[in-house]
Amino acid sequence: MDHELDELKREFLAEAQEKVRELQTVLEAVRSPATLERVAYIAHQLKGSGGSYGYQSISTDAAEIEKAIDTVGAQTPDESTEEKIQQHVANLRTEIERRIAELATA
């Protein structure tokens, strides 16, 4: 097993966990173009980094958040889009926690 890679993955997952917390906080705030831009930015970061570390599920959920934000532009997301974004954030949180637990037993 590659312990250096595992350590990098642990660092990534800890940062990803923080980003998901920030996503949740931002999504609970009043919607504005700036908050939506921040959500898209965080999702974009997770999308790229997740894929780089081999976490396709993280990358996919983050891409879906980014895509949902792109479709609404500066508009406030409708209820359906809001639910979709929230579900992808929940998926991210679950996947990150699962991957952290896997690395803890490695």
N, C-alpha and C. Protein backbone atom coordinates (compact mmCIF):
# COMPACT_ATOMS: atom_id res chain seq x y z
N MET A 1 0.82 -1.18 0.00
CA MET A 1 0.00 0.00 0.00
C MET A 1 0.88 1.25 0.00
N ASP A 2 0.44 2.27 -0.68
CA ASP A 2 1.20 3.50 -0.79
C ASP A 2 0.78 4.47 0.33
N HIS A 3 1.60 4.53 1.37
CA HIS A 3 1.25 5.34 2.55
C HIS A 3 1.27 6.83 2.23
N GLU A 4 2.17 7.26 1.34
CA GLU A 4 2.21 8.67 0.96
C GLU A 4 0.93 9.07 0.24
N LEU A 5 0.47 8.23 -0.67
CA LEU A 5 -0.77 8.51 -1.39
C LEU A 5 -1.94 8.51 -0.42
N ASP A 6 -1.97 7.57 0.50
CA ASP A 6 -3.04 7.54 1.50
C ASP A 6 -3.05 8.82 2.33
N GLU A 7 -1.88 9.32 2.68
CA GLU A 7 -1.82 10.56 3.45
C GLU A 7 -2.34 11.74 2.63
N LEU A 8 -1.99 11.79 1.36
CA LEU A 8 -2.52 12.84 0.47
C LEU A 8 -4.04 12.74 0.37
N LYS A 9 -4.53 11.52 0.26
CA LYS A 9 -5.98 11.33 0.20
C LYS A 9 -6.65 11.79 1.49
N ARG A 10 -6.04 11.49 2.62
CA ARG A 10 -6.59 11.94 3.91
C ARG A 10 -6.67 13.47 3.96
N GLU A 11 -5.60 14.12 3.50
CA GLU A 11 -5.58 15.58 3.48
C GLU A 11 -6.67 16.12 2.55
N PHE A 12 -6.79 15.52 1.37
CA PHE A 12 -7.83 15.94 0.44
C PHE A 12 -9.20 15.78 1.06
N LEU A 13 -9.46 14.63 1.66
CA LEU A 13 -10.78 14.36 2.23
C LEU A 13 -11.10 15.31 3.38
N ALA A 14 -10.10 15.65 4.19
CA ALA A 14 -10.32 16.62 5.26
C ALA A 14 -10.69 17.99 4.68
N GLU A 15 -9.99 18.39 3.63
CA GLU A 15 -10.31 19.66 2.96
C GLU A 15 -11.67 19.58 2.30
N ALA A 16 -11.99 18.45 1.69
CA ALA A 16 -13.29 18.28 1.04
C ALA A 16 -14.41 18.36 2.06
N GLN A 17 -14.17 17.80 3.23
CA GLN A 17 -15.16 17.86 4.30
C GLN A 17 -15.44 19.32 4.68
N GLU A 18 -14.39 20.11 4.78
CA GLU A 18 -14.55 21.53 5.09
C GLU A 18 -15.31 22.25 3.98
N LYS A 19 -15.02 21.90 2.74
CA LYS A 19 -15.71 22.54 1.61
C LYS A 19 -17.19 22.18 1.60
N VAL A 20 -17.52 20.96 1.95
CA VAL A 20 -18.93 20.57 2.02
C VAL A 20 -19.63 21.33 3.14
N ARG A 21 -18.94 21.51 4.27
CA ARG A 21 -19.53 22.32 5.35
C ARG A 21 -19.78 23.75 4.87
N GLU A 22 -18.81 24.28 4.12
CA GLU A 22 -18.99 25.64 3.58
C GLU A 22 -20.15 25.67 2.59
N LEU A 23 -20.26 24.65 1.75
CA LEU A 23 -21.39 24.58 0.82
C LEU A 23 -22.71 24.64 1.59
N GLN A 24 -22.80 23.86 2.64
CA GLN A 24 -24.03 23.83 3.43
C GLN A 24 -24.32 25.20 4.03
N THR A 25 -23.30 25.85 4.55
CA THR A 25 -23.47 27.17 5.14
C THR A 25 -23.90 28.19 4.09
N VAL A 26 -23.24 28.17 2.96
CA VAL A 26 -23.58 29.11 1.89
C VAL A 26 -24.99 28.86 1.38
N LEU A 27 -25.37 27.60 1.27
CA LEU A 27 -26.71 27.28 0.77
C LEU A 27 -27.81 27.66 1.77
N GLU A 28 -27.46 27.79 3.04
CA GLU A 28 -28.43 28.21 4.05
C GLU A 28 -28.58 29.73 4.08
N ALA A 29 -27.65 30.44 3.44
CA ALA A 29 -27.69 31.90 3.42
C ALA A 29 -28.70 32.40 2.39
N VAL A 30 -28.95 33.69 2.43
CA VAL A 30 -29.82 34.31 1.44
C VAL A 30 -29.15 34.16 0.07
N ARG A 31 -29.95 33.74 -0.90
CA ARG A 31 -29.41 33.53 -2.25
C ARG A 31 -29.12 34.86 -2.93
N SER A 32 -27.97 34.91 -3.52
CA SER A 32 -27.57 36.07 -4.32
C SER A 32 -26.65 35.54 -5.41
N PRO A 33 -26.38 36.34 -6.41
CA PRO A 33 -25.42 35.89 -7.42
C PRO A 33 -24.08 35.51 -6.80
N ALA A 34 -23.66 36.23 -5.77
CA ALA A 34 -22.37 35.94 -5.12
C ALA A 34 -22.39 34.59 -4.42
N THR A 35 -23.48 34.26 -3.73
CA THR A 35 -23.53 32.97 -3.03
C THR A 35 -23.58 31.83 -4.03
N LEU A 36 -24.32 32.01 -5.11
CA LEU A 36 -24.37 30.96 -6.13
C LEU A 36 -23.02 30.80 -6.81
N GLU A 37 -22.34 31.89 -7.02
CA GLU A 37 -21.00 31.83 -7.61
C GLU A 37 -20.05 31.07 -6.69
N ARG A 38 -20.16 31.30 -5.39
CA ARG A 38 -19.31 30.60 -4.42
C ARG A 38 -19.61 29.11 -4.43
N VAL A 39 -20.88 28.74 -4.49
CA VAL A 39 -21.26 27.32 -4.55
C VAL A 39 -20.65 26.68 -5.80
N ALA A 40 -20.77 27.35 -6.94
CA ALA A 40 -20.21 26.81 -8.18
C ALA A 40 -18.69 26.67 -8.10
N TYR A 41 -18.04 27.65 -7.47
CA TYR A 41 -16.58 27.62 -7.32
C TYR A 41 -16.14 26.42 -6.47
N ILE A 42 -16.80 26.23 -5.34
CA ILE A 42 -16.45 25.12 -4.46
C ILE A 42 -16.70 23.79 -5.17
N ALA A 43 -17.84 23.70 -5.84
CA ALA A 43 -18.16 22.47 -6.58
C ALA A 43 -17.11 22.20 -7.65
N HIS A 44 -16.67 23.23 -8.33
CA HIS A 44 -15.65 23.07 -9.36
C HIS A 44 -14.35 22.54 -8.77
N GLN A 45 -13.97 23.06 -7.61
CA GLN A 45 -12.75 22.57 -6.94
C GLN A 45 -12.88 21.09 -6.58
N LEU A 46 -14.02 20.73 -6.00
CA LEU A 46 -14.24 19.34 -5.61
C LEU A 46 -14.28 18.42 -6.82
N LYS A 47 -14.86 18.90 -7.89
CA LYS A 47 -14.96 18.10 -9.12
C LYS A 47 -13.56 17.73 -9.61
N GLY A 48 -12.68 18.70 -9.72
CA GLY A 48 -11.34 18.44 -10.22
C GLY A 48 -10.49 17.62 -9.27
N SER A 49 -10.51 17.99 -8.01
CA SER A 49 -9.69 17.29 -7.02
C SER A 49 -10.18 15.87 -6.79
N GLY A 50 -11.48 15.70 -6.73
CA GLY A 50 -12.04 14.36 -6.52
C GLY A 50 -11.60 13.41 -7.60
N GLY A 51 -11.67 13.85 -8.84
CA GLY A 51 -11.23 13.03 -9.95
C GLY A 51 -9.74 12.73 -9.90
N SER A 52 -8.97 13.72 -9.48
CA SER A 52 -7.51 13.53 -9.41
C SER A 52 -7.11 12.45 -8.42
N TYR A 53 -7.89 12.32 -7.34
CA TYR A 53 -7.59 11.32 -6.33
C TYR A 53 -8.33 10.00 -6.56
N GLY A 54 -9.04 9.92 -7.67
CA GLY A 54 -9.73 8.67 -7.99
C GLY A 54 -11.10 8.53 -7.34
N TYR A 55 -11.64 9.62 -6.84
CA TYR A 55 -12.95 9.60 -6.21
C TYR A 55 -13.99 10.09 -7.21
N GLN A 56 -14.36 9.22 -8.12
CA GLN A 56 -15.26 9.59 -9.19
C GLN A 56 -16.62 10.05 -8.68
N SER A 57 -17.11 9.43 -7.63
CA SER A 57 -18.42 9.80 -7.09
C SER A 57 -18.40 11.25 -6.58
N ILE A 58 -17.33 11.64 -5.92
CA ILE A 58 -17.19 13.01 -5.44
C ILE A 58 -17.16 13.96 -6.63
N SER A 59 -16.38 13.62 -7.61
CA SER A 59 -16.28 14.43 -8.81
C SER A 59 -17.62 14.57 -9.52
N THR A 60 -18.36 13.47 -9.63
CA THR A 60 -19.65 13.48 -10.33
C THR A 60 -20.68 14.33 -9.59
N ASP A 61 -20.79 14.16 -8.29
CA ASP A 61 -21.76 14.97 -7.53
C ASP A 61 -21.40 16.45 -7.58
N ALA A 62 -20.13 16.76 -7.47
CA ALA A 62 -19.70 18.15 -7.56
C ALA A 62 -20.01 18.73 -8.94
N ALA A 63 -19.79 17.93 -9.99
CA ALA A 63 -20.10 18.38 -11.35
C ALA A 63 -21.59 18.66 -11.50
N GLU A 64 -22.41 17.85 -10.89
CA GLU A 64 -23.87 18.04 -10.97
C GLU A 64 -24.29 19.34 -10.25
N ILE A 65 -23.64 19.65 -9.14
CA ILE A 65 -23.92 20.92 -8.45
C ILE A 65 -23.53 22.08 -9.35
N GLU A 66 -22.34 21.99 -9.91
CA GLU A 66 -21.85 23.05 -10.80
C GLU A 66 -22.80 23.23 -11.99
N LYS A 67 -23.24 22.13 -12.57
CA LYS A 67 -24.15 22.18 -13.72
C LYS A 67 -25.48 22.82 -13.32
N ALA A 68 -26.00 22.46 -12.17
CA ALA A 68 -27.27 23.03 -11.71
C ALA A 68 -27.16 24.54 -11.53
N ILE A 69 -26.06 24.99 -10.97
CA ILE A 69 -25.85 26.42 -10.77
C ILE A 69 -25.72 27.12 -12.12
N ASP A 70 -25.00 26.49 -13.04
CA ASP A 70 -24.84 27.07 -14.37
C ASP A 70 -26.18 27.24 -15.09
N THR A 71 -27.09 26.30 -14.88
CA THR A 71 -28.37 26.37 -15.59
C THR A 71 -29.24 27.50 -15.08
N VAL A 72 -29.11 27.88 -13.80
CA VAL A 72 -29.93 28.97 -13.29
C VAL A 72 -29.27 30.33 -13.44
N GLY A 73 -27.96 30.34 -13.70
CA GLY A 73 -27.26 31.60 -13.84
C GLY A 73 -27.35 32.41 -12.56
N ALA A 74 -27.69 33.69 -12.68
CA ALA A 74 -27.79 34.57 -11.52
C ALA A 74 -29.16 34.50 -10.87
N GLN A 75 -30.06 33.69 -11.42
CA GLN A 75 -31.42 33.55 -10.88
C GLN A 75 -31.38 32.71 -9.59
N THR A 76 -32.39 32.87 -8.79
CA THR A 76 -32.56 32.01 -7.62
C THR A 76 -33.04 30.66 -8.11
N PRO A 77 -32.41 29.57 -7.66
CA PRO A 77 -32.84 28.24 -8.13
C PRO A 77 -34.29 27.96 -7.73
N ASP A 78 -35.02 27.29 -8.62
CA ASP A 78 -36.38 26.89 -8.27
C ASP A 78 -36.29 25.74 -7.28
N GLU A 79 -37.43 25.34 -6.76
CA GLU A 79 -37.47 24.32 -5.71
C GLU A 79 -36.84 23.00 -6.17
N SER A 80 -37.11 22.60 -7.39
CA SER A 80 -36.57 21.36 -7.92
C SER A 80 -35.05 21.40 -8.01
N THR A 81 -34.52 22.51 -8.51
CA THR A 81 -33.07 22.66 -8.62
C THR A 81 -32.44 22.73 -7.24
N GLU A 82 -33.10 23.44 -6.34
CA GLU A 82 -32.61 23.54 -4.96
C GLU A 82 -32.52 22.15 -4.32
N GLU A 83 -33.55 21.34 -4.50
CA GLU A 83 -33.55 19.98 -3.95
C GLU A 83 -32.44 19.14 -4.56
N LYS A 84 -32.22 19.31 -5.86
CA LYS A 84 -31.16 18.57 -6.55
C LYS A 84 -29.80 18.95 -5.97
N ILE A 85 -29.57 20.23 -5.79
CA ILE A 85 -28.29 20.70 -5.24
C ILE A 85 -28.11 20.13 -3.82
N GLN A 86 -29.15 20.24 -3.00
CA GLN A 86 -29.07 19.74 -1.63
C GLN A 86 -28.78 18.24 -1.60
N GLN A 87 -29.40 17.49 -2.52
CA GLN A 87 -29.16 16.05 -2.56
C GLN A 87 -27.71 15.74 -2.93
N HIS A 88 -27.17 16.48 -3.88
CA HIS A 88 -25.77 16.25 -4.26
C HIS A 88 -24.81 16.63 -3.13
N VAL A 89 -25.14 17.67 -2.38
CA VAL A 89 -24.32 18.03 -1.22
C VAL A 89 -24.37 16.91 -0.19
N ALA A 90 -25.56 16.37 0.05
CA ALA A 90 -25.70 15.24 0.99
C ALA A 90 -24.91 14.03 0.49
N ASN A 91 -24.97 13.77 -0.82
CA ASN A 91 -24.20 12.66 -1.39
C ASN A 91 -22.70 12.87 -1.18
N LEU A 92 -22.25 14.10 -1.38
CA LEU A 92 -20.83 14.41 -1.16
C LEU A 92 -20.43 14.13 0.28
N ARG A 93 -21.24 14.63 1.21
CA ARG A 93 -20.93 14.43 2.63
C ARG A 93 -20.83 12.95 2.96
N THR A 94 -21.79 12.16 2.48
CA THR A 94 -21.81 10.72 2.75
C THR A 94 -20.60 10.02 2.13
N GLU A 95 -20.29 10.35 0.89
CA GLU A 95 -19.16 9.71 0.20
C GLU A 95 -17.83 10.07 0.87
N ILE A 96 -17.67 11.32 1.26
CA ILE A 96 -16.43 11.74 1.92
C ILE A 96 -16.28 11.01 3.25
N GLU A 97 -17.35 10.94 4.01
CA GLU A 97 -17.29 10.22 5.30
C GLU A 97 -16.95 8.74 5.09
N ARG A 98 -17.54 8.14 4.05
CA ARG A 98 -17.26 6.73 3.76
C ARG A 98 -15.78 6.54 3.39
N ARG A 99 -15.27 7.44 2.57
CA ARG A 99 -13.86 7.31 2.16
C ARG A 99 -12.91 7.56 3.32
N ILE A 100 -13.25 8.48 4.21
CA ILE A 100 -12.42 8.71 5.39
C ILE A 100 -12.38 7.45 6.24
N ALA A 101 -13.54 6.82 6.43
CA ALA A 101 -13.60 5.60 7.22
C ALA A 101 -12.78 4.48 6.58
N GLU A 102 -12.82 4.38 5.25
CA GLU A 102 -12.02 3.37 4.55
C GLU A 102 -10.54 3.58 4.80
N LEU A 103 -10.09 4.82 4.72
CA LEU A 103 -8.67 5.11 4.92
C LEU A 103 -8.25 4.89 6.37
N ALA A 104 -9.17 5.06 7.28
CA ALA A 104 -8.86 4.86 8.70
C ALA A 104 -8.57 3.40 9.00
N THR A 105 -9.16 2.51 8.21
CA THR A 105 -8.93 1.09 8.44
C THR A 105 -7.82 0.52 7.56
N ALA A 106 -7.27 1.38 6.70
CA ALA A 106 -6.21 0.93 5.78
C ALA A 106 -4.87 0.86 6.47
